[in-house]
């Protein structure tokens, strides 16, 4: 239960806390916010009691600067406030006909690749980066709120999430896709791995009712065309490319839009993916294939055993070093967070010994149980 009351005074939203403090935020923006933005855009006011909130208008009050945003607010409440503000931003944009998506849209699975695209591509452009790894975690009904909640809960239960604002950023990326206007081209960037290939199908399903021209940019294939040779290895993930390489690929490629039939085929592929509750996938034989959750456990154990053999005496190994070795040896791209989850599972199962606190992979070490 969120102990806070809201009120709209367009273009502002008010939040009344239990301590009779009113947090005031404008929502006449074109960009969605995260909780990190709250202290920058908000102001705080003190009222005498909750009844006063019914007629409260911040223009008639002096800002309570001594309280400010340093007043303690629980994370759950912060997330609720951000979500409500973003709902109002989207509603305000629709009502006012404000369109910040008149530029060509580029969608990619990864905030880091989105950052590279923002550097690489000339204006005009609008880049949307999904903060997720679709190779891991359930995709079941992900196009629905039910499925999104199911996935979010699984990730929270199994994966050490380093980004506290994951869900907020996820919702914002979804809103940005909904906001895309009908007259702009859409470019979907992806590589030959389960993460980006699953994301590609998800985005095309979300875009199924839009009539925009949609173009695919397969970074794996285009890198091989423009860069790869006997001396230069190919890549499987868009994150392996530098901004100048992304720019070159985009500028030198003849872009052909997807046909209606091609879009329908991708949408059907997504519908099949979204029926499964598998939590691990790889890209093989040009398809996204599920794997058993414990598929890499034996590989993890054999890698730790090999690292032990390099030691004079079997001792603890930093988990980050184990994962680094795994990623070097693996042919396919697997999110390191999933490997870290499986290492923790092997600890809890009594197969590995633990030293430290398993907060992140740099906080603890492991060794094979004697």
Protein backbone atom coordinates (compact mmCIF):
# COMPACT_ATOMS: atom_id res chain seq x y z
CA UNK A 1 0.00 0.00 0.00
CA UNK A 2 1.47 3.39 -1.06
CA UNK A 3 0.87 5.91 1.81
CA UNK A 4 0.51 8.87 -0.52
CA UNK A 5 -2.36 10.84 -2.11
CA UNK A 6 -2.19 12.46 -5.56
CA UNK A 7 -3.89 15.40 -7.22
CA UNK A 8 -3.58 16.93 -10.69
CA UNK A 9 -3.28 20.66 -11.26
CA UNK A 10 -2.25 20.69 -14.93
CA UNK A 11 0.61 20.83 -15.79
CA UNK A 12 1.59 19.77 -12.26
CA UNK A 13 0.98 16.68 -10.17
CA UNK A 14 0.88 16.82 -6.36
CA UNK A 15 1.82 14.02 -3.96
CA UNK A 16 0.74 14.31 -0.31
CA UNK A 17 2.90 12.34 2.13
CA UNK A 18 1.99 11.13 5.62
CA UNK A 19 3.98 14.01 7.14
CA UNK A 20 1.72 16.63 5.47
CA UNK A 21 4.43 17.41 2.94
CA UNK A 22 3.36 18.02 -0.65
CA UNK A 23 5.78 17.09 -3.43
CA UNK A 24 5.09 19.05 -6.61
CA UNK A 25 6.29 18.01 -10.06
CA UNK A 26 5.65 19.48 -13.51
CA UNK A 27 4.80 17.07 -16.33
CA UNK A 28 4.99 19.33 -19.39
CA UNK A 29 8.00 17.43 -20.74
CA UNK A 30 8.68 15.51 -23.93
CA UNK A 31 11.03 13.02 -22.25
CA UNK A 32 10.04 10.52 -19.59
CA UNK A 33 11.80 10.62 -16.24
CA UNK A 34 13.42 8.23 -13.77
CA UNK A 35 13.66 8.53 -9.98
CA UNK A 36 17.09 10.14 -10.41
CA UNK A 37 15.32 13.16 -11.92
CA UNK A 38 12.91 13.75 -9.03
CA UNK A 39 15.18 15.92 -6.90
CA UNK A 40 16.01 18.09 -9.92
CA UNK A 41 12.48 18.87 -11.09
CA UNK A 42 10.45 18.77 -7.86
CA UNK A 43 9.61 21.22 -5.09
CA UNK A 44 8.28 20.58 -1.57
CA UNK A 45 5.59 22.40 0.44
CA UNK A 46 4.32 22.03 4.02
CA UNK A 47 0.61 22.15 4.79
CA UNK A 48 -1.18 22.12 8.14
CA UNK A 49 -3.22 18.95 7.65
CA UNK A 50 -4.52 16.58 5.01
CA UNK A 51 -7.82 18.44 4.59
CA UNK A 52 -5.89 21.44 3.29
CA UNK A 53 -4.65 19.31 0.39
CA UNK A 54 -8.09 19.38 -1.26
CA UNK A 55 -7.72 23.09 -2.08
CA UNK A 56 -3.92 23.19 -2.25
CA UNK A 57 -2.34 25.15 -5.11
CA UNK A 58 1.43 25.47 -4.88
CA UNK A 59 1.34 28.94 -6.45
CA UNK A 60 -0.20 30.20 -3.19
CA UNK A 61 2.48 28.70 -0.92
CA UNK A 62 6.16 29.21 -0.23
CA UNK A 63 8.49 26.35 -1.00
CA UNK A 64 9.71 24.45 2.07
CA UNK A 65 13.39 24.37 1.16
CA UNK A 66 14.59 23.14 4.54
CA UNK A 67 12.67 19.89 4.02
CA UNK A 68 13.41 19.56 0.32
CA UNK A 69 13.70 16.14 -1.23
CA UNK A 70 16.03 14.94 1.49
CA UNK A 71 12.86 13.96 3.34
CA UNK A 72 12.90 10.17 3.53
CA UNK A 73 10.76 8.50 0.86
CA UNK A 74 10.66 4.73 0.43
CA UNK A 75 11.81 3.27 -2.88
CA UNK A 76 8.36 1.79 -3.50
CA UNK A 77 6.82 5.25 -3.11
CA UNK A 78 9.46 6.84 -5.36
CA UNK A 79 8.74 4.32 -8.10
CA UNK A 80 5.01 4.94 -7.74
CA UNK A 81 5.54 8.70 -8.05
CA UNK A 82 7.73 8.33 -11.14
CA UNK A 83 5.19 6.05 -12.79
CA UNK A 84 2.35 8.51 -12.12
CA UNK A 85 4.40 11.45 -13.44
CA UNK A 86 5.27 9.52 -16.61
CA UNK A 87 1.61 8.64 -17.15
CA UNK A 88 0.79 12.33 -16.96
CA UNK A 89 3.64 13.23 -19.33
CA UNK A 90 2.28 10.79 -21.91
CA UNK A 91 -1.29 12.01 -21.42
CA UNK A 92 -0.22 15.66 -21.65
CA UNK A 93 1.73 15.03 -24.86
CA UNK A 94 -1.28 13.33 -26.43
CA UNK A 95 -3.70 16.07 -25.38
CA UNK A 96 -1.44 18.87 -26.61
CA UNK A 97 -0.42 17.09 -29.79
CA UNK A 98 3.20 17.30 -28.71
CA UNK A 99 5.30 14.94 -30.79
CA UNK A 100 8.96 14.46 -30.00
CA UNK A 101 9.16 11.56 -32.43
CA UNK A 102 9.17 13.37 -35.76
CA UNK A 103 12.74 12.08 -36.28
CA UNK A 104 13.72 8.64 -37.60
CA UNK A 105 13.51 6.10 -34.77
CA UNK A 106 16.23 3.56 -33.95
CA UNK A 107 15.43 0.73 -31.51
CA UNK A 108 18.07 -1.52 -29.97
CA UNK A 109 18.27 -4.05 -27.13
CA UNK A 110 20.80 -2.42 -24.79
CA UNK A 111 21.23 0.97 -23.20
CA UNK A 112 24.95 0.91 -23.96
CA UNK A 113 24.40 0.28 -27.68
CA UNK A 114 21.73 2.99 -27.63
CA UNK A 115 24.38 5.34 -26.25
CA UNK A 116 26.77 4.38 -29.05
CA UNK A 117 24.06 4.99 -31.65
CA UNK A 118 23.35 8.43 -30.21
CA UNK A 119 27.02 9.27 -30.72
CA UNK A 120 27.31 7.56 -34.10
CA UNK A 121 24.25 8.76 -36.01
CA UNK A 122 23.76 12.23 -37.38
CA UNK A 123 20.71 14.26 -36.48
CA UNK A 124 17.78 13.98 -36.85
CA UNK A 125 17.35 10.76 -34.88
CA UNK A 126 15.55 9.32 -31.86
CA UNK A 127 17.16 6.29 -30.21
CA UNK A 128 15.27 3.88 -27.94
CA UNK A 129 17.35 1.43 -25.91
CA UNK A 130 15.58 -1.40 -24.09
CA UNK A 131 17.29 -2.04 -20.71
CA UNK A 132 16.96 -5.80 -20.80
CA UNK A 133 18.50 -9.10 -21.86
CA UNK A 134 15.91 -11.18 -23.66
CA UNK A 135 18.17 -14.26 -23.75
CA UNK A 136 17.41 -14.88 -20.08
CA UNK A 137 14.28 -14.81 -17.96
CA UNK A 138 10.75 -15.76 -19.04
CA UNK A 139 9.21 -14.16 -22.13
CA UNK A 140 5.78 -15.59 -21.34
CA UNK A 141 3.06 -13.08 -22.31
CA UNK A 142 5.65 -10.28 -22.20
CA UNK A 143 3.50 -8.07 -24.41
CA UNK A 144 0.97 -7.92 -21.54
CA UNK A 145 1.12 -6.41 -18.04
CA UNK A 146 0.70 -9.90 -16.60
CA UNK A 147 3.73 -11.18 -18.47
CA UNK A 148 5.81 -8.10 -17.65
CA UNK A 149 5.09 -8.55 -13.95
CA UNK A 150 5.90 -12.27 -14.19
CA UNK A 151 9.25 -11.54 -15.85
CA UNK A 152 10.10 -8.72 -13.45
CA UNK A 153 9.40 -10.94 -10.43
CA UNK A 154 11.56 -13.75 -11.84
CA UNK A 155 14.47 -11.39 -12.44
CA UNK A 156 14.17 -9.93 -8.94
CA UNK A 157 14.15 -13.44 -7.44
CA UNK A 158 17.08 -14.81 -9.43
CA UNK A 159 19.29 -12.09 -10.92
CA UNK A 160 21.45 -9.57 -9.06
CA UNK A 161 19.99 -6.45 -10.66
CA UNK A 162 22.62 -3.71 -10.73
CA UNK A 163 20.18 -1.08 -12.00
CA UNK A 164 17.59 -0.12 -9.37
CA UNK A 165 15.58 1.69 -12.04
CA UNK A 166 15.28 -1.28 -14.40
CA UNK A 167 11.47 -1.42 -14.31
CA UNK A 168 11.08 2.35 -14.69
CA UNK A 169 13.41 2.42 -17.70
CA UNK A 170 11.63 -0.62 -19.16
CA UNK A 171 8.25 1.11 -18.89
CA UNK A 172 9.68 4.29 -20.40
CA UNK A 173 11.08 2.40 -23.41
CA UNK A 174 7.66 0.81 -23.90
CA UNK A 175 6.01 4.26 -23.79
CA UNK A 176 8.48 5.61 -26.34
CA UNK A 177 7.54 2.83 -28.76
CA UNK A 178 3.84 3.56 -28.25
CA UNK A 179 4.53 7.26 -28.90
CA UNK A 180 6.16 6.72 -32.31
CA UNK A 181 4.28 8.80 -34.87
CA UNK A 182 3.01 7.18 -38.05
CA UNK A 183 5.11 9.12 -40.54
CA UNK A 184 8.65 8.27 -39.40
CA UNK A 185 10.90 5.38 -40.48
CA UNK A 186 11.84 2.83 -37.83
CA UNK A 187 15.22 1.05 -37.77
CA UNK A 188 15.64 -2.09 -35.66
CA UNK A 189 19.26 -2.93 -34.81
CA UNK A 190 20.24 -6.46 -33.76
CA UNK A 191 22.95 -9.11 -33.94
CA UNK A 192 22.90 -12.88 -34.24
CA UNK A 193 22.32 -13.76 -30.60
CA UNK A 194 19.26 -14.82 -28.61
CA UNK A 195 19.07 -11.52 -26.73
CA UNK A 196 18.76 -9.21 -29.73
CA UNK A 197 16.91 -11.71 -31.94
CA UNK A 198 14.24 -12.22 -29.27
CA UNK A 199 14.06 -8.45 -28.77
CA UNK A 200 13.63 -7.94 -32.51
CA UNK A 201 10.57 -10.18 -32.56
CA UNK A 202 9.17 -8.49 -29.46
CA UNK A 203 9.51 -5.01 -30.98
CA UNK A 204 7.89 -6.07 -34.24
CA UNK A 205 4.97 -7.47 -32.26
CA UNK A 206 4.62 -4.21 -30.34
CA UNK A 207 4.73 -2.33 -33.68
CA UNK A 208 2.18 -4.62 -35.36
CA UNK A 209 -0.54 -1.95 -35.62
CA UNK A 210 1.76 0.80 -36.89
CA UNK A 211 1.99 1.44 -40.63
CA UNK A 212 5.51 2.93 -40.50
CA UNK A 213 8.21 1.67 -42.81
CA UNK A 214 10.42 -0.66 -40.74
CA UNK A 215 14.02 -1.48 -41.64
CA UNK A 216 16.23 -4.21 -40.15
CA UNK A 217 19.94 -3.70 -39.52
CA UNK A 218 21.70 -6.99 -38.75
CA UNK A 219 25.02 -5.87 -37.29
CA UNK A 220 26.51 -9.38 -37.39
CA UNK A 221 25.93 -9.81 -41.12
CA UNK A 222 26.85 -6.23 -42.02
CA UNK A 223 30.05 -6.34 -39.95
CA UNK A 224 31.02 -9.50 -41.80
CA UNK A 225 30.30 -7.76 -45.11
CA UNK A 226 32.27 -4.59 -44.37
CA UNK A 227 34.93 -5.58 -41.83
CA UNK A 228 35.45 -9.29 -41.19
CA UNK A 229 38.33 -11.14 -42.83
CA UNK A 230 40.74 -13.97 -42.08
CA UNK A 231 42.54 -11.61 -39.71
CA UNK A 232 39.44 -10.01 -38.19
CA UNK A 233 36.89 -12.17 -36.39
CA UNK A 234 33.18 -11.63 -36.80
CA UNK A 235 30.87 -10.38 -34.07
CA UNK A 236 27.62 -11.73 -32.66
CA UNK A 237 26.48 -8.76 -30.60
CA UNK A 238 25.87 -5.12 -31.54
CA UNK A 239 27.66 -4.06 -28.36
CA UNK A 240 30.94 -5.22 -29.89
CA UNK A 241 30.86 -2.35 -32.42
CA UNK A 242 32.38 1.09 -31.98
CA UNK A 243 30.27 4.19 -32.79
CA UNK A 244 32.23 4.85 -35.99
CA UNK A 245 31.52 1.29 -37.15
CA UNK A 246 27.81 1.67 -36.43
CA UNK A 247 27.77 4.91 -38.40
CA UNK A 248 29.60 3.34 -41.35
CA UNK A 249 27.26 0.34 -41.43
CA UNK A 250 24.19 2.58 -41.37
CA UNK A 251 25.47 4.97 -44.05
CA UNK A 252 26.74 2.28 -46.42
CA UNK A 253 23.72 -0.03 -46.26
CA UNK A 254 20.90 0.04 -48.82
CA UNK A 255 17.88 -0.02 -46.54
CA UNK A 256 14.89 -2.04 -47.76
CA UNK A 257 11.69 -1.98 -45.66
CA UNK A 258 10.09 -5.15 -44.37
CA UNK A 259 7.13 -6.40 -46.33
CA UNK A 260 3.77 -7.06 -44.68
CA UNK A 261 4.43 -10.80 -44.99
CA UNK A 262 7.83 -10.50 -43.31
CA UNK A 263 6.39 -8.50 -40.45
CA UNK A 264 3.61 -11.05 -39.97
CA UNK A 265 6.15 -13.88 -39.89
CA UNK A 266 8.20 -12.17 -37.15
CA UNK A 267 5.03 -11.48 -35.17
CA UNK A 268 4.05 -15.15 -35.33
CA UNK A 269 7.53 -16.12 -34.17
CA UNK A 270 7.12 -13.82 -31.19
CA UNK A 271 3.75 -15.35 -30.31
CA UNK A 272 5.45 -18.76 -30.14
CA UNK A 273 8.26 -17.41 -27.95
CA UNK A 274 5.73 -15.74 -25.65
CA UNK A 275 3.96 -19.05 -24.98
CA UNK A 276 7.01 -20.52 -23.27
CA UNK A 277 8.15 -20.10 -19.67
CA UNK A 278 11.74 -21.10 -20.46
CA UNK A 279 14.34 -18.86 -18.82
CA UNK A 280 17.37 -19.47 -21.05
CA UNK A 281 17.72 -19.17 -24.81
CA UNK A 282 20.45 -19.31 -27.47
CA UNK A 283 20.59 -18.43 -31.17
CA UNK A 284 21.33 -21.53 -33.22
CA UNK A 285 20.50 -22.55 -36.79
CA UNK A 286 18.97 -19.10 -37.35
CA UNK A 287 16.35 -19.61 -34.66
CA UNK A 288 15.90 -18.79 -30.98
CA UNK A 289 16.09 -22.09 -29.11
CA UNK A 290 15.36 -22.78 -25.40
CA UNK A 291 17.88 -24.44 -23.11
CA UNK A 292 17.44 -26.10 -19.74
CA UNK A 293 18.02 -23.70 -16.87
CA UNK A 294 20.96 -25.79 -15.61
CA UNK A 295 22.53 -26.18 -19.08
CA UNK A 296 25.78 -24.39 -18.18
CA UNK A 297 26.22 -25.78 -14.66
CA UNK A 298 28.65 -28.55 -15.66
CA UNK A 299 30.65 -26.07 -17.75
CA UNK A 300 30.86 -23.71 -14.77
CA UNK A 301 32.14 -26.51 -12.53
CA UNK A 302 34.70 -27.76 -15.05
CA UNK A 303 35.97 -24.20 -15.54
CA UNK A 304 36.41 -23.72 -11.78
CA UNK A 305 38.19 -27.08 -11.59
CA UNK A 306 40.56 -26.00 -14.40
CA UNK A 307 41.28 -22.73 -12.57
CA UNK A 308 41.99 -24.73 -9.39
CA UNK A 309 44.58 -26.79 -11.26
CA UNK A 310 46.53 -23.59 -11.94
CA UNK A 311 46.74 -22.92 -8.19
CA UNK A 312 49.43 -24.35 -5.91
CA UNK A 313 46.69 -25.16 -3.43
CA UNK A 314 42.97 -25.28 -4.11
CA UNK A 315 41.70 -21.91 -2.91
CA UNK A 316 38.83 -19.49 -3.41
CA UNK A 317 38.53 -17.72 -6.77
CA UNK A 318 36.82 -14.37 -7.20
CA UNK A 319 33.48 -14.98 -8.92
CA UNK A 320 34.15 -12.17 -11.39
CA UNK A 321 37.29 -14.02 -12.52
CA UNK A 322 35.33 -17.25 -12.96
CA UNK A 323 32.71 -15.48 -15.08
CA UNK A 324 35.39 -13.73 -17.11
CA UNK A 325 36.94 -17.10 -17.92
CA UNK A 326 33.52 -18.54 -18.82
CA UNK A 327 32.77 -15.70 -21.23
CA UNK A 328 36.14 -16.16 -22.95
CA UNK A 329 35.54 -19.88 -23.47
CA UNK A 330 31.88 -19.73 -24.53
CA UNK A 331 31.04 -19.65 -28.23
CA UNK A 332 27.57 -18.19 -27.76
CA UNK A 333 26.71 -14.87 -26.10
CA UNK A 334 25.22 -15.38 -22.62
CA UNK A 335 24.46 -12.61 -20.16
CA UNK A 336 27.03 -12.72 -17.34
CA UNK A 337 24.24 -12.10 -14.81
CA UNK A 338 22.70 -15.48 -15.63
CA UNK A 339 26.04 -17.23 -15.11
CA UNK A 340 26.39 -15.47 -11.76
CA UNK A 341 22.89 -16.69 -10.82
CA UNK A 342 23.85 -20.28 -11.63
CA UNK A 343 27.02 -19.96 -9.52
CA UNK A 344 24.88 -18.84 -6.58
CA UNK A 345 22.56 -21.79 -7.23
CA UNK A 346 25.53 -24.17 -7.09
CA UNK A 347 26.54 -22.57 -3.77
CA UNK A 348 23.06 -22.99 -2.30
CA UNK A 349 23.00 -26.58 -3.57
CA UNK A 350 26.16 -27.35 -1.58
CA UNK A 351 28.36 -28.00 -4.63
CA UNK A 352 30.47 -24.84 -4.26
CA UNK A 353 31.88 -23.21 -1.14
CA UNK A 354 31.38 -19.50 -0.56
CA UNK A 355 33.60 -16.78 0.85
CA UNK A 356 32.12 -13.31 1.15
CA UNK A 357 28.64 -11.93 0.53
CA UNK A 358 27.02 -12.77 -2.86
CA UNK A 359 25.89 -9.22 -3.53
CA UNK A 360 27.69 -8.84 -6.86
CA UNK A 361 30.25 -11.05 -8.58
CA UNK A 362 33.07 -8.87 -7.19
CA UNK A 363 31.91 -9.29 -3.60
CA UNK A 364 32.47 -13.03 -3.15
CA UNK A 365 34.66 -15.95 -4.12
CA UNK A 366 34.00 -19.65 -4.70
CA UNK A 367 35.76 -22.98 -4.81
CA UNK A 368 34.78 -26.59 -5.36
CA UNK A 369 33.68 -28.26 -2.15
CA UNK A 370 36.28 -30.77 -1.00
